[in-house]
Amino acid sequence: MVHRDDHMCLYHGEANVNEPDFHRFPMLANARVWKTTVGPGEILLMPEGTYHQCRNKTDCLSYSRFHLDTLNLPSFIQSLLDNDAPEIDHATILWNACKDLMDKNDALIDRATEARKQVRVNV
């Protein structure tokens, strides 16, 4: 994994962090690189924009989830406007995020209404 702010050190993905060539890619030496092993039953959470690659030593099941939050919302909207990631269903992700917010809002209103009823009963 490479920190998202170190993208310039990766030379547009040409540099190989596993077999670094510092003569050809001198800025690679400045990249913040982390290596880890994820074992059975473990998960790895990465912040939006983290450059990463993986190598599976054995057959495995992989699950990836895109999480939309305040940190990655601006880059998500920019991606939507630039149409630079056709593999991402921007409309569905936005709908799901809005639906989740509406459901949470409805639940808050229901709780407030119920609390108000309880106050009236107790008065």
PDB file of N, CA and C in Angstrom:
ATOM      1  N   MET A   1       0.848  -1.164   0.000  1.00  0.00           N
ATOM      2  CA  MET A   1       0.000   0.000   0.000  1.00  0.00           C
ATOM      3  C   MET A   1       0.895   1.229   0.000  1.00  0.00           C
ATOM      4  N   VAL A   2       0.447   2.251  -0.696  1.00  0.00           N
ATOM      5  CA  VAL A   2       1.178   3.512  -0.753  1.00  0.00           C
ATOM      6  C   VAL A   2       0.203   4.626  -0.385  1.00  0.00           C
ATOM      7  N   HIS A   3       0.661   5.544   0.450  1.00  0.00           N
ATOM      8  CA  HIS A   3      -0.175   6.656   0.893  1.00  0.00           C
ATOM      9  C   HIS A   3      -0.698   7.431  -0.310  1.00  0.00           C
ATOM     10  N   ARG A   4      -1.962   7.829  -0.236  1.00  0.00           N
ATOM     11  CA  ARG A   4      -2.596   8.516  -1.368  1.00  0.00           C
ATOM     12  C   ARG A   4      -1.906   9.830  -1.735  1.00  0.00           C
ATOM     13  N   ASP A   5      -1.245  10.481  -0.778  1.00  0.00           N
ATOM     14  CA  ASP A   5      -0.558  11.734  -1.084  1.00  0.00           C
ATOM     15  C   ASP A   5       0.778  11.523  -1.795  1.00  0.00           C
ATOM     16  N   ASP A   6       1.212  10.277  -1.907  1.00  0.00           N
ATOM     17  CA  ASP A   6       2.501   9.974  -2.532  1.00  0.00           C
ATOM     18  C   ASP A   6       2.361   9.489  -3.976  1.00  0.00           C
ATOM     19  N   HIS A   7       1.264   9.821  -4.612  1.00  0.00           N
ATOM     20  CA  HIS A   7       1.010   9.329  -5.978  1.00  0.00           C
ATOM     21  C   HIS A   7       2.084   9.758  -6.965  1.00  0.00           C
ATOM     22  N   MET A   8       2.686  10.926  -6.759  1.00  0.00           N
ATOM     23  CA  MET A   8       3.721  11.388  -7.693  1.00  0.00           C
ATOM     24  C   MET A   8       4.960  10.493  -7.639  1.00  0.00           C
ATOM     25  N   CYS A   9       5.163   9.820  -6.527  1.00  0.00           N
ATOM     26  CA  CYS A   9       6.332   8.939  -6.379  1.00  0.00           C
ATOM     27  C   CYS A   9       6.166   7.628  -7.139  1.00  0.00           C
ATOM     28  N   LEU A  10       4.960   7.373  -7.638  1.00  0.00           N
ATOM     29  CA  LEU A  10       4.681   6.098  -8.312  1.00  0.00           C
ATOM     30  C   LEU A  10       4.812   6.179  -9.829  1.00  0.00           C
ATOM     31  N   TYR A  11       5.072   7.367 -10.347  1.00  0.00           N
ATOM     32  CA  TYR A  11       5.289   7.526 -11.789  1.00  0.00           C
ATOM     33  C   TYR A  11       4.156   6.898 -12.604  1.00  0.00           C
ATOM     34  N   HIS A  12       2.940   7.311 -12.281  1.00  0.00           N
ATOM     35  CA  HIS A  12       1.741   6.842 -12.993  1.00  0.00           C
ATOM     36  C   HIS A  12       1.633   5.324 -13.018  1.00  0.00           C
ATOM     37  N   GLY A  13       2.051   4.690 -11.946  1.00  0.00           N
ATOM     38  CA  GLY A  13       1.930   3.237 -11.827  1.00  0.00           C
ATOM     39  C   GLY A  13       3.043   2.445 -12.481  1.00  0.00           C
ATOM     40  N   GLU A  14       4.014   3.125 -13.055  1.00  0.00           N
ATOM     41  CA  GLU A  14       5.115   2.409 -13.711  1.00  0.00           C
ATOM     42  C   GLU A  14       6.117   1.844 -12.712  1.00  0.00           C
ATOM     43  N   ALA A  15       6.272   2.504 -11.567  1.00  0.00           N
ATOM     44  CA  ALA A  15       7.240   2.042 -10.563  1.00  0.00           C
ATOM     45  C   ALA A  15       6.698   0.809  -9.852  1.00  0.00           C
ATOM     46  N   ASN A  16       7.568  -0.125  -9.574  1.00  0.00           N
ATOM     47  CA  ASN A  16       7.202  -1.365  -8.890  1.00  0.00           C
ATOM     48  C   ASN A  16       7.733  -1.302  -7.462  1.00  0.00           C
ATOM     49  N   VAL A  17       6.822  -1.197  -6.485  1.00  0.00           N
ATOM     50  CA  VAL A  17       7.277  -1.083  -5.092  1.00  0.00           C
ATOM     51  C   VAL A  17       7.849  -2.392  -4.570  1.00  0.00           C
ATOM     52  N   ASN A  18       7.518  -3.510  -5.202  1.00  0.00           N
ATOM     53  CA  ASN A  18       8.062  -4.802  -4.766  1.00  0.00           C
ATOM     54  C   ASN A  18       9.489  -5.028  -5.256  1.00  0.00           C
ATOM     55  N   GLU A  19       9.812  -4.456  -6.397  1.00  0.00           N
ATOM     56  CA  GLU A  19      11.171  -4.536  -6.946  1.00  0.00           C
ATOM     57  C   GLU A  19      11.571  -3.132  -7.400  1.00  0.00           C
ATOM     58  N   PRO A  20      11.846  -2.250  -6.435  1.00  0.00           N
ATOM     59  CA  PRO A  20      12.083  -0.846  -6.783  1.00  0.00           C
ATOM     60  C   PRO A  20      13.365  -0.625  -7.585  1.00  0.00           C
ATOM     61  N   ASP A  21      13.253   0.212  -8.592  1.00  0.00           N
ATOM     62  CA  ASP A  21      14.399   0.638  -9.394  1.00  0.00           C
ATOM     63  C   ASP A  21      14.582   2.133  -9.111  1.00  0.00           C
ATOM     64  N   PHE A  22      15.408   2.445  -8.104  1.00  0.00           N
ATOM     65  CA  PHE A  22      15.564   3.827  -7.669  1.00  0.00           C
ATOM     66  C   PHE A  22      16.362   4.674  -8.653  1.00  0.00           C
ATOM     67  N   HIS A  23      17.071   4.042  -9.572  1.00  0.00           N
ATOM     68  CA  HIS A  23      17.769   4.814 -10.602  1.00  0.00           C
ATOM     69  C   HIS A  23      16.764   5.322 -11.629  1.00  0.00           C
ATOM     70  N   ARG A  24      15.846   4.472 -12.002  1.00  0.00           N
ATOM     71  CA  ARG A  24      14.834   4.852 -12.992  1.00  0.00           C
ATOM     72  C   ARG A  24      13.717   5.679 -12.359  1.00  0.00           C
ATOM     73  N   PHE A  25      13.388   5.376 -11.094  1.00  0.00           N
ATOM     74  CA  PHE A  25      12.294   6.045 -10.390  1.00  0.00           C
ATOM     75  C   PHE A  25      12.798   6.582  -9.047  1.00  0.00           C
ATOM     76  N   PRO A  26      13.615   7.624  -9.043  1.00  0.00           N
ATOM     77  CA  PRO A  26      14.233   8.090  -7.799  1.00  0.00           C
ATOM     78  C   PRO A  26      13.242   8.571  -6.740  1.00  0.00           C
ATOM     79  N   MET A  27      12.104   9.130  -7.148  1.00  0.00           N
ATOM     80  CA  MET A  27      11.133   9.616  -6.164  1.00  0.00           C
ATOM     81  C   MET A  27      10.451   8.477  -5.410  1.00  0.00           C
ATOM     82  N   LEU A  28      10.535   7.266  -5.925  1.00  0.00           N
ATOM     83  CA  LEU A  28       9.931   6.116  -5.256  1.00  0.00           C
ATOM     84  C   LEU A  28      10.502   5.929  -3.853  1.00  0.00           C
ATOM     85  N   ALA A  29      11.740   6.333  -3.662  1.00  0.00           N
ATOM     86  CA  ALA A  29      12.373   6.211  -2.340  1.00  0.00           C
ATOM     87  C   ALA A  29      11.666   7.065  -1.289  1.00  0.00           C
ATOM     88  N   ASN A  30      10.904   8.074  -1.721  1.00  0.00           N
ATOM     89  CA  ASN A  30      10.195   8.960  -0.794  1.00  0.00           C
ATOM     90  C   ASN A  30       8.772   8.502  -0.496  1.00  0.00           C
ATOM     91  N   ALA A  31       8.298   7.500  -1.190  1.00  0.00           N
ATOM     92  CA  ALA A  31       6.919   7.030  -0.990  1.00  0.00           C
ATOM     93  C   ALA A  31       6.785   6.300   0.342  1.00  0.00           C
ATOM     94  N   ARG A  32       5.667   6.568   1.015  1.00  0.00           N
ATOM     95  CA  ARG A  32       5.354   5.833   2.247  1.00  0.00           C
ATOM     96  C   ARG A  32       4.674   4.529   1.843  1.00  0.00           C
ATOM     97  N   VAL A  33       5.386   3.434   2.035  1.00  0.00           N
ATOM     98  CA  VAL A  33       4.926   2.115   1.588  1.00  0.00           C
ATOM     99  C   VAL A  33       4.723   1.221   2.798  1.00  0.00           C
ATOM    100  N   TRP A  34       3.599   0.524   2.831  1.00  0.00           N
ATOM    101  CA  TRP A  34       3.318  -0.457   3.879  1.00  0.00           C
ATOM    102  C   TRP A  34       3.067  -1.801   3.225  1.00  0.00           C
ATOM    103  N   LYS A  35       3.585  -2.832   3.827  1.00  0.00           N
ATOM    104  CA  LYS A  35       3.318  -4.199   3.372  1.00  0.00           C
ATOM    105  C   LYS A  35       2.684  -4.941   4.533  1.00  0.00           C
ATOM    106  N   THR A  36       1.738  -5.774   4.219  1.00  0.00           N
ATOM    107  CA  THR A  36       1.054  -6.535   5.262  1.00  0.00           C
ATOM    108  C   THR A  36       0.608  -7.869   4.702  1.00  0.00           C
ATOM    109  N   THR A  37       0.289  -8.769   5.576  1.00  0.00           N
ATOM    110  CA  THR A  37      -0.288 -10.054   5.199  1.00  0.00           C
ATOM    111  C   THR A  37      -1.644 -10.154   5.868  1.00  0.00           C
ATOM    112  N   VAL A  38      -2.654 -10.410   5.077  1.00  0.00           N
ATOM    113  CA  VAL A  38      -4.007 -10.585   5.597  1.00  0.00           C
ATOM    114  C   VAL A  38      -4.280 -12.077   5.642  1.00  0.00           C
ATOM    115  N   GLY A  39      -4.546 -12.580   6.820  1.00  0.00           N
ATOM    116  CA  GLY A  39      -4.770 -14.009   7.004  1.00  0.00           C
ATOM    117  C   GLY A  39      -6.238 -14.383   6.929  1.00  0.00           C
ATOM    118  N   PRO A  40      -6.536 -15.681   6.990  1.00  0.00           N
ATOM    119  CA  PRO A  40      -7.922 -16.154   6.947  1.00  0.00           C
ATOM    120  C   PRO A  40      -8.761 -15.506   8.048  1.00  0.00           C
ATOM    121  N   GLY A  41      -9.925 -15.013   7.673  1.00  0.00           N
ATOM    122  CA  GLY A  41     -10.834 -14.394   8.630  1.00  0.00           C
ATOM    123  C   GLY A  41     -10.516 -12.949   8.953  1.00  0.00           C
ATOM    124  N   GLU A  42      -9.447 -12.413   8.392  1.00  0.00           N
ATOM    125  CA  GLU A  42      -9.067 -11.030   8.664  1.00  0.00           C
ATOM    126  C   GLU A  42      -9.565 -10.121   7.545  1.00  0.00           C
ATOM    127  N   ILE A  43      -9.680  -8.839   7.864  1.00  0.00           N
ATOM    128  CA  ILE A  43     -10.054  -7.848   6.856  1.00  0.00           C
ATOM    129  C   ILE A  43      -9.032  -6.720   6.880  1.00  0.00           C
ATOM    130  N   LEU A  44      -8.950  -6.016   5.783  1.00  0.00           N
ATOM    131  CA  LEU A  44      -8.063  -4.867   5.673  1.00  0.00           C
ATOM    132  C   LEU A  44      -8.900  -3.687   5.204  1.00  0.00           C
ATOM    133  N   LEU A  45      -8.927  -2.632   6.000  1.00  0.00           N
ATOM    134  CA  LEU A  45      -9.631  -1.409   5.636  1.00  0.00           C
ATOM    135  C   LEU A  45      -8.598  -0.385   5.195  1.00  0.00           C
ATOM    136  N   MET A  46      -8.851   0.237   4.057  1.00  0.00           N
ATOM    137  CA  MET A  46      -7.923   1.238   3.534  1.00  0.00           C
ATOM    138  C   MET A  46      -8.671   2.539   3.296  1.00  0.00           C
ATOM    139  N   PRO A  47      -8.040   3.666   3.608  1.00  0.00           N
ATOM    140  CA  PRO A  47      -8.671   4.951   3.307  1.00  0.00           C
ATOM    141  C   PRO A  47      -8.817   5.150   1.802  1.00  0.00           C
ATOM    142  N   GLU A  48      -9.777   5.971   1.427  1.00  0.00           N
ATOM    143  CA  GLU A  48     -10.004   6.300   0.021  1.00  0.00           C
ATOM    144  C   GLU A  48      -8.713   6.830  -0.581  1.00  0.00           C
ATOM    145  N   GLY A  49      -8.411   6.391  -1.766  1.00  0.00           N
ATOM    146  CA  GLY A  49      -7.252   6.882  -2.486  1.00  0.00           C
ATOM    147  C   GLY A  49      -5.956   6.151  -2.204  1.00  0.00           C
ATOM    148  N   THR A  50      -5.995   5.141  -1.336  1.00  0.00           N
ATOM    149  CA  THR A  50      -4.783   4.378  -1.039  1.00  0.00           C
ATOM    150  C   THR A  50      -4.416   3.531  -2.255  1.00  0.00           C
ATOM    151  N   TYR A  51      -3.211   3.686  -2.741  1.00  0.00           N
ATOM    152  CA  TYR A  51      -2.740   2.857  -3.847  1.00  0.00           C
ATOM    153  C   TYR A  51      -2.378   1.491  -3.278  1.00  0.00           C
ATOM    154  N   HIS A  52      -2.838   0.458  -3.948  1.00  0.00           N
ATOM    155  CA  HIS A  52      -2.593  -0.878  -3.397  1.00  0.00           C
ATOM    156  C   HIS A  52      -2.564  -1.926  -4.503  1.00  0.00           C
ATOM    157  N   GLN A  53      -1.957  -3.019  -4.177  1.00  0.00           N
ATOM    158  CA  GLN A  53      -1.973  -4.210  -5.021  1.00  0.00           C
ATOM    159  C   GLN A  53      -1.943  -5.394  -4.081  1.00  0.00           C
ATOM    160  N   CYS A  54      -2.380  -6.523  -4.575  1.00  0.00           N
ATOM    161  CA  CYS A  54      -2.339  -7.709  -3.713  1.00  0.00           C
ATOM    162  C   CYS A  54      -1.846  -8.906  -4.514  1.00  0.00           C
ATOM    163  N   ARG A  55      -1.318  -9.839  -3.777  1.00  0.00           N
ATOM    164  CA  ARG A  55      -0.868 -11.099  -4.362  1.00  0.00           C
ATOM    165  C   ARG A  55      -1.429 -12.194  -3.467  1.00  0.00           C
ATOM    166  N   ASN A  56      -2.239 -13.052  -4.044  1.00  0.00           N
ATOM    167  CA  ASN A  56      -2.826 -14.158  -3.287  1.00  0.00           C
ATOM    168  C   ASN A  56      -1.901 -15.360  -3.355  1.00  0.00           C
ATOM    169  N   LYS A  57      -1.543 -15.874  -2.195  1.00  0.00           N
ATOM    170  CA  LYS A  57      -0.671 -17.049  -2.145  1.00  0.00           C
ATOM    171  C   LYS A  57      -1.454 -18.332  -2.392  1.00  0.00           C
ATOM    172  N   THR A  58      -2.741 -18.294  -2.088  1.00  0.00           N
ATOM    173  CA  THR A  58      -3.623 -19.445  -2.314  1.00  0.00           C
ATOM    174  C   THR A  58      -4.933 -18.925  -2.877  1.00  0.00           C
ATOM    175  N   ASP A  59      -5.782 -19.840  -3.324  1.00  0.00           N
ATOM    176  CA  ASP A  59      -7.112 -19.445  -3.766  1.00  0.00           C
ATOM    177  C   ASP A  59      -7.838 -18.790  -2.598  1.00  0.00           C
ATOM    178  N   CYS A  60      -8.605 -17.753  -2.898  1.00  0.00           N
ATOM    179  CA  CYS A  60      -9.306 -17.069  -1.816  1.00  0.00           C
ATOM    180  C   CYS A  60     -10.550 -16.385  -2.357  1.00  0.00           C
ATOM    181  N   LEU A  61     -11.383 -15.955  -1.445  1.00  0.00           N
ATOM    182  CA  LEU A  61     -12.565 -15.170  -1.766  1.00  0.00           C
ATOM    183  C   LEU A  61     -12.277 -13.744  -1.329  1.00  0.00           C
ATOM    184  N   SER A  62     -12.461 -12.810  -2.219  1.00  0.00           N
ATOM    185  CA  SER A  62     -12.181 -11.413  -1.915  1.00  0.00           C
ATOM    186  C   SER A  62     -13.468 -10.614  -2.013  1.00  0.00           C
ATOM    187  N   TYR A  63     -13.652  -9.691  -1.096  1.00  0.00           N
ATOM    188  CA  TYR A  63     -14.833  -8.827  -1.090  1.00  0.00           C
ATOM    189  C   TYR A  63     -14.359  -7.391  -0.983  1.00  0.00           C
ATOM    190  N   SER A  64     -14.856  -6.560  -1.855  1.00  0.00           N
ATOM    191  CA  SER A  64     -14.481  -5.156  -1.845  1.00  0.00           C
ATOM    192  C   SER A  64     -15.745  -4.317  -1.767  1.00  0.00           C
ATOM    193  N   ARG A  65     -15.693  -3.260  -0.978  1.00  0.00           N
ATOM    194  CA  ARG A  65     -16.861  -2.400  -0.839  1.00  0.00           C
ATOM    195  C   ARG A  65     -16.418  -0.954  -0.941  1.00  0.00           C
ATOM    196  N   PHE A  66     -17.164  -0.207  -1.716  1.00  0.00           N
ATOM    197  CA  PHE A  66     -16.919   1.220  -1.851  1.00  0.00           C
ATOM    198  C   PHE A  66     -17.756   1.932  -0.803  1.00  0.00           C
ATOM    199  N   HIS A  67     -17.121   2.710   0.055  1.00  0.00           N
ATOM    200  CA  HIS A  67     -17.815   3.426   1.117  1.00  0.00           C
ATOM    201  C   HIS A  67     -17.740   4.914   0.823  1.00  0.00           C
ATOM    202  N   LEU A  68     -18.889   5.542   0.641  1.00  0.00           N
ATOM    203  CA  LEU A  68     -18.942   6.969   0.340  1.00  0.00           C
ATOM    204  C   LEU A  68     -19.075   7.745   1.645  1.00  0.00           C
ATOM    205  N   ASP A  69     -18.135   8.651   1.907  1.00  0.00           N
ATOM    206  CA  ASP A  69     -18.186   9.462   3.120  1.00  0.00           C
ATOM    207  C   ASP A  69     -17.649  10.861   2.822  1.00  0.00           C
ATOM    208  N   THR A  70     -17.542  11.688   3.858  1.00  0.00           N
ATOM    209  CA  THR A  70     -17.122  13.075   3.643  1.00  0.00           C
ATOM    210  C   THR A  70     -15.694  13.181   3.116  1.00  0.00           C
ATOM    211  N   LEU A  71     -14.860  12.203   3.397  1.00  0.00           N
ATOM    212  CA  LEU A  71     -13.476  12.248   2.922  1.00  0.00           C
ATOM    213  C   LEU A  71     -13.384  12.037   1.414  1.00  0.00           C
ATOM    214  N   ASN A  72     -14.138  11.077   0.889  1.00  0.00           N
ATOM    215  CA  ASN A  72     -13.993  10.772  -0.535  1.00  0.00           C
ATOM    216  C   ASN A  72     -15.119  11.339  -1.398  1.00  0.00           C
ATOM    217  N   LEU A  73     -16.080  12.060  -0.807  1.00  0.00           N
ATOM    218  CA  LEU A  73     -17.181  12.618  -1.595  1.00  0.00           C
ATOM    219  C   LEU A  73     -16.696  13.574  -2.688  1.00  0.00           C
ATOM    220  N   PRO A  74     -15.795  14.526  -2.398  1.00  0.00           N
ATOM    221  CA  PRO A  74     -15.352  15.419  -3.481  1.00  0.00           C
ATOM    222  C   PRO A  74     -14.722  14.675  -4.663  1.00  0.00           C
ATOM    223  N   SER A  75     -13.863  13.702  -4.399  1.00  0.00           N
ATOM    224  CA  SER A  75     -13.244  12.975  -5.513  1.00  0.00           C
ATOM    225  C   SER A  75     -14.264  12.087  -6.223  1.00  0.00           C
ATOM    226  N   PHE A  76     -15.259  11.588  -5.487  1.00  0.00           N
ATOM    227  CA  PHE A  76     -16.319  10.798  -6.106  1.00  0.00           C
ATOM    228  C   PHE A  76     -17.129  11.670  -7.075  1.00  0.00           C
ATOM    229  N   ILE A  77     -17.509  12.868  -6.630  1.00  0.00           N
ATOM    230  CA  ILE A  77     -18.276  13.781  -7.491  1.00  0.00           C
ATOM    231  C   ILE A  77     -17.439  14.182  -8.706  1.00  0.00           C
ATOM    232  N   GLN A  78     -16.145  14.447  -8.495  1.00  0.00           N
ATOM    233  CA  GLN A  78     -15.277  14.795  -9.625  1.00  0.00           C
ATOM    234  C   GLN A  78     -15.203  13.646 -10.621  1.00  0.00           C
ATOM    235  N   SER A  79     -15.134  12.431 -10.121  1.00  0.00           N
ATOM    236  CA  SER A  79     -15.113  11.253 -10.989  1.00  0.00           C
ATOM    237  C   SER A  79     -16.411  11.149 -11.785  1.00  0.00           C
ATOM    238  N   LEU A  80     -17.527  11.453 -11.132  1.00  0.00           N
ATOM    239  CA  LEU A  80     -18.825  11.450 -11.823  1.00  0.00           C
ATOM    240  C   LEU A  80     -18.817  12.478 -12.950  1.00  0.00           C
ATOM    241  N   LEU A  81     -18.357  13.693 -12.652  1.00  0.00           N
ATOM    242  CA  LEU A  81     -18.345  14.763 -13.656  1.00  0.00           C
ATOM    243  C   LEU A  81     -17.376  14.471 -14.799  1.00  0.00           C
ATOM    244  N   ASP A  82     -16.221  13.891 -14.463  1.00  0.00           N
ATOM    245  CA  ASP A  82     -15.211  13.586 -15.485  1.00  0.00           C
ATOM    246  C   ASP A  82     -15.522  12.311 -16.256  1.00  0.00           C
ATOM    247  N   ASN A  83     -16.435  11.504 -15.725  1.00  0.00           N
ATOM    248  CA  ASN A  83     -16.776  10.212 -16.326  1.00  0.00           C
ATOM    249  C   ASN A  83     -15.511   9.380 -16.559  1.00  0.00           C
ATOM    250  N   ASP A  84     -14.644   9.361 -15.536  1.00  0.00           N
ATOM    251  CA  ASP A  84     -13.354   8.686 -15.684  1.00  0.00           C
ATOM    252  C   ASP A  84     -13.322   7.280 -15.095  1.00  0.00           C
ATOM    253  N   ALA A  85     -14.449   6.821 -14.567  1.00  0.00           N
ATOM    254  CA  ALA A  85     -14.484   5.480 -13.967  1.00  0.00           C
ATOM    255  C   ALA A  85     -15.791   4.791 -14.358  1.00  0.00           C
ATOM    256  N   PRO A  86     -15.885   4.321 -15.601  1.00  0.00           N
ATOM    257  CA  PRO A  86     -17.139   3.713 -16.051  1.00  0.00           C
ATOM    258  C   PRO A  86     -17.522   2.459 -15.272  1.00  0.00           C
ATOM    259  N   GLU A  87     -16.548   1.856 -14.575  1.00  0.00           N
ATOM    260  CA  GLU A  87     -16.863   0.654 -13.800  1.00  0.00           C
ATOM    261  C   GLU A  87     -17.612   0.988 -12.511  1.00  0.00           C
ATOM    262  N   ILE A  88     -17.657   2.267 -12.139  1.00  0.00           N
ATOM    263  CA  ILE A  88     -18.378   2.686 -10.929  1.00  0.00           C
ATOM    264  C   ILE A  88     -19.761   3.174 -11.330  1.00  0.00           C
ATOM    265  N   ASP A  89     -20.776   2.620 -10.709  1.00  0.00           N
ATOM    266  CA  ASP A  89     -22.159   3.037 -10.959  1.00  0.00           C
ATOM    267  C   ASP A  89     -22.477   4.210 -10.031  1.00  0.00           C
ATOM    268  N   HIS A  90     -22.064   5.404 -10.447  1.00  0.00           N
ATOM    269  CA  HIS A  90     -22.212   6.596  -9.615  1.00  0.00           C
ATOM    270  C   HIS A  90     -23.665   6.829  -9.197  1.00  0.00           C
ATOM    271  N   ALA A  91     -24.601   6.679 -10.133  1.00  0.00           N
ATOM    272  CA  ALA A  91     -26.007   6.956  -9.831  1.00  0.00           C
ATOM    273  C   ALA A  91     -26.530   6.040  -8.731  1.00  0.00           C
ATOM    274  N   THR A  92     -26.207   4.769  -8.797  1.00  0.00           N
ATOM    275  CA  THR A  92     -26.672   3.827  -7.776  1.00  0.00           C
ATOM    276  C   THR A  92     -26.045   4.140  -6.423  1.00  0.00           C
ATOM    277  N   ILE A  93     -24.770   4.466  -6.419  1.00  0.00           N
ATOM    278  CA  ILE A  93     -24.102   4.794  -5.160  1.00  0.00           C
ATOM    279  C   ILE A  93     -24.717   6.043  -4.541  1.00  0.00           C
ATOM    280  N   LEU A  94     -24.970   7.079  -5.352  1.00  0.00           N
ATOM    281  CA  LEU A  94     -25.607   8.288  -4.829  1.00  0.00           C
ATOM    282  C   LEU A  94     -27.009   7.996  -4.316  1.00  0.00           C
ATOM    283  N   TRP A  95     -27.774   7.192  -5.061  1.00  0.00           N
ATOM    284  CA  TRP A  95     -29.117   6.845  -4.607  1.00  0.00           C
ATOM    285  C   TRP A  95     -29.066   6.107  -3.275  1.00  0.00           C
ATOM    286  N   ASN A  96     -28.189   5.131  -3.157  1.00  0.00           N
ATOM    287  CA  ASN A  96     -28.087   4.375  -1.905  1.00  0.00           C
ATOM    288  C   ASN A  96     -27.696   5.276  -0.739  1.00  0.00           C
ATOM    289  N   ALA A  97     -26.780   6.217  -0.977  1.00  0.00           N
ATOM    290  CA  ALA A  97     -26.372   7.143   0.088  1.00  0.00           C
ATOM    291  C   ALA A  97     -27.539   8.035   0.500  1.00  0.00           C
ATOM    292  N   CYS A  98     -28.279   8.549  -0.480  1.00  0.00           N
ATOM    293  CA  CYS A  98     -29.442   9.393  -0.174  1.00  0.00           C
ATOM    294  C   CYS A  98     -30.524   8.599   0.541  1.00  0.00           C
ATOM    295  N   LYS A  99     -30.767   7.385   0.080  1.00  0.00           N
ATOM    296  CA  LYS A  99     -31.784   6.535   0.711  1.00  0.00           C
ATOM    297  C   LYS A  99     -31.414   6.244   2.157  1.00  0.00           C
ATOM    298  N   ASP A 100     -30.146   5.978   2.406  1.00  0.00           N
ATOM    299  CA  ASP A 100     -29.688   5.723   3.773  1.00  0.00           C
ATOM    300  C   ASP A 100     -29.917   6.951   4.651  1.00  0.00           C
ATOM    301  N   LEU A 101     -29.602   8.140   4.130  1.00  0.00           N
ATOM    302  CA  LEU A 101     -29.832   9.369   4.894  1.00  0.00           C
ATOM    303  C   LEU A 101     -31.318   9.591   5.157  1.00  0.00           C
ATOM    304  N   MET A 102     -32.167   9.328   4.159  1.00  0.00           N
ATOM    305  CA  MET A 102     -33.610   9.486   4.355  1.00  0.00           C
ATOM    306  C   MET A 102     -34.129   8.511   5.405  1.00  0.00           C
ATOM    307  N   ASP A 103     -33.652   7.272   5.375  1.00  0.00           N
ATOM    308  CA  ASP A 103     -34.070   6.280   6.370  1.00  0.00           C
ATOM    309  C   ASP A 103     -33.644   6.699   7.775  1.00  0.00           C
ATOM    310  N   LYS A 104     -32.427   7.205   7.908  1.00  0.00           N
ATOM    311  CA  LYS A 104     -31.953   7.665   9.220  1.00  0.00           C
ATOM    312  C   LYS A 104     -32.768   8.857   9.697  1.00  0.00           C
ATOM    313  N   ASN A 105     -33.089   9.769   8.792  1.00  0.00           N
ATOM    314  CA  ASN A 105     -33.909  10.925   9.135  1.00  0.00           C
ATOM    315  C   ASN A 105     -35.300  10.481   9.585  1.00  0.00           C
ATOM    316  N   ASP A 106     -35.902   9.545   8.862  1.00  0.00           N
ATOM    317  CA  ASP A 106     -37.218   9.019   9.248  1.00  0.00           C
ATOM    318  C   ASP A 106     -37.173   8.390  10.634  1.00  0.00           C
ATOM    319  N   ALA A 107     -36.122   7.644  10.928  1.00  0.00           N
ATOM    320  CA  ALA A 107     -35.994   7.004  12.242  1.00  0.00           C
ATOM    321  C   ALA A 107     -35.875   8.052  13.345  1.00  0.00           C
ATOM    322  N   LEU A 108     -35.133   9.126  13.099  1.00  0.00           N
ATOM    323  CA  LEU A 108     -35.016  10.200  14.088  1.00  0.00           C
ATOM    324  C   LEU A 108     -36.360  10.881  14.326  1.00  0.00           C
ATOM    325  N   ILE A 109     -37.096  11.127  13.253  1.00  0.00           N
ATOM    326  CA  ILE A 109     -38.417  11.744  13.382  1.00  0.00           C
ATOM    327  C   ILE A 109     -39.352  10.826  14.157  1.00  0.00           C
ATOM    328  N   ASP A 110     -39.324   9.536  13.857  1.00  0.00           N
ATOM    329  CA  ASP A 110     -40.168   8.575  14.582  1.00  0.00           C
ATOM    330  C   ASP A 110     -39.833   8.567  16.070  1.00  0.00           C
ATOM    331  N   ARG A 111     -38.554   8.581  16.408  1.00  0.00           N
ATOM    332  CA  ARG A 111     -38.157   8.587  17.831  1.00  0.00           C
ATOM    333  C   ARG A 111     -38.590   9.877  18.515  1.00  0.00           C
ATOM    334  N   ALA A 112     -38.431  11.015  17.833  1.00  0.00           N
ATOM    335  CA  ALA A 112     -38.836  12.296  18.417  1.00  0.00           C
ATOM    336  C   ALA A 112     -40.345  12.344  18.618  1.00  0.00           C
ATOM    337  N   THR A 113     -41.097  11.828  17.653  1.00  0.00           N
ATOM    338  CA  THR A 113     -42.556  11.792  17.771  1.00  0.00           C
ATOM    339  C   THR A 113     -42.976  10.915  18.937  1.00  0.00           C
ATOM    340  N   GLU A 114     -42.347   9.765  19.071  1.00  0.00           N
ATOM    341  CA  GLU A 114     -42.659   8.851  20.177  1.00  0.00           C
ATOM    342  C   GLU A 114     -42.297   9.477  21.520  1.00  0.00           C
ATOM    343  N   ALA A 115     -41.168  10.153  21.589  1.00  0.00           N
ATOM    344  CA  ALA A 115     -40.758  10.814  22.835  1.00  0.00           C
ATOM    345  C   ALA A 115     -41.739  11.916  23.211  1.00  0.00           C
ATOM    346  N   ARG A 116     -42.223  12.663  22.220  1.00  0.00           N
ATOM    347  CA  ARG A 116     -43.205  13.721  22.481  1.00  0.00           C
ATOM    348  C   ARG A 116     -44.503  13.132  23.006  1.00  0.00           C
ATOM    349  N   LYS A 117     -44.918  11.990  22.462  1.00  0.00           N
ATOM    350  CA  LYS A 117     -46.134  11.320  22.945  1.00  0.00           C
ATOM    351  C   LYS A 117     -45.959  10.891  24.397  1.00  0.00           C
ATOM    352  N   GLN A 118     -44.785  10.387  24.742  1.00  0.00           N
ATOM    353  CA  GLN A 118     -44.518   9.946  26.112  1.00  0.00           C
ATOM    354  C   GLN A 118     -44.570  11.121  27.083  1.00  0.00           C
ATOM    355  N   VAL A 119     -44.069  12.276  26.671  1.00  0.00           N
ATOM    356  CA  VAL A 119     -44.115  13.463  27.529  1.00  0.00           C
ATOM    357  C   VAL A 119     -45.559  13.861  27.781  1.00  0.00           C
ATOM    358  N   ARG A 120     -46.406  13.819  26.744  1.00  0.00           N
ATOM    359  CA  ARG A 120     -47.828  14.176  26.896  1.00  0.00           C
ATOM    360  C   ARG A 120     -48.540  13.215  27.833  1.00  0.00           C
ATOM    361  N   VAL A 121     -48.208  11.943  27.749  1.00  0.00           N
ATOM    362  CA  VAL A 121     -48.844  10.935  28.602  1.00  0.00           C
ATOM    363  C   VAL A 121     -48.439  11.144  30.057  1.00  0.00           C
ATOM    364  N   ASN A 122     -47.197  11.511  30.287  1.00  0.00           N
ATOM    365  CA  ASN A 122     -46.680  11.668  31.645  1.00  0.00           C
ATOM    366  C   ASN A 122     -47.049  13.004  32.281  1.00  0.00           C
ATOM    367  N   VAL A 123     -47.619  13.931  31.523  1.00  0.00           N
ATOM    368  CA  VAL A 123     -47.960  15.254  32.074  1.00  0.00           C
ATOM    369  C   VAL A 123     -49.284  15.240  32.735  1.00  0.00           C
TER     370      VAL A 123
END
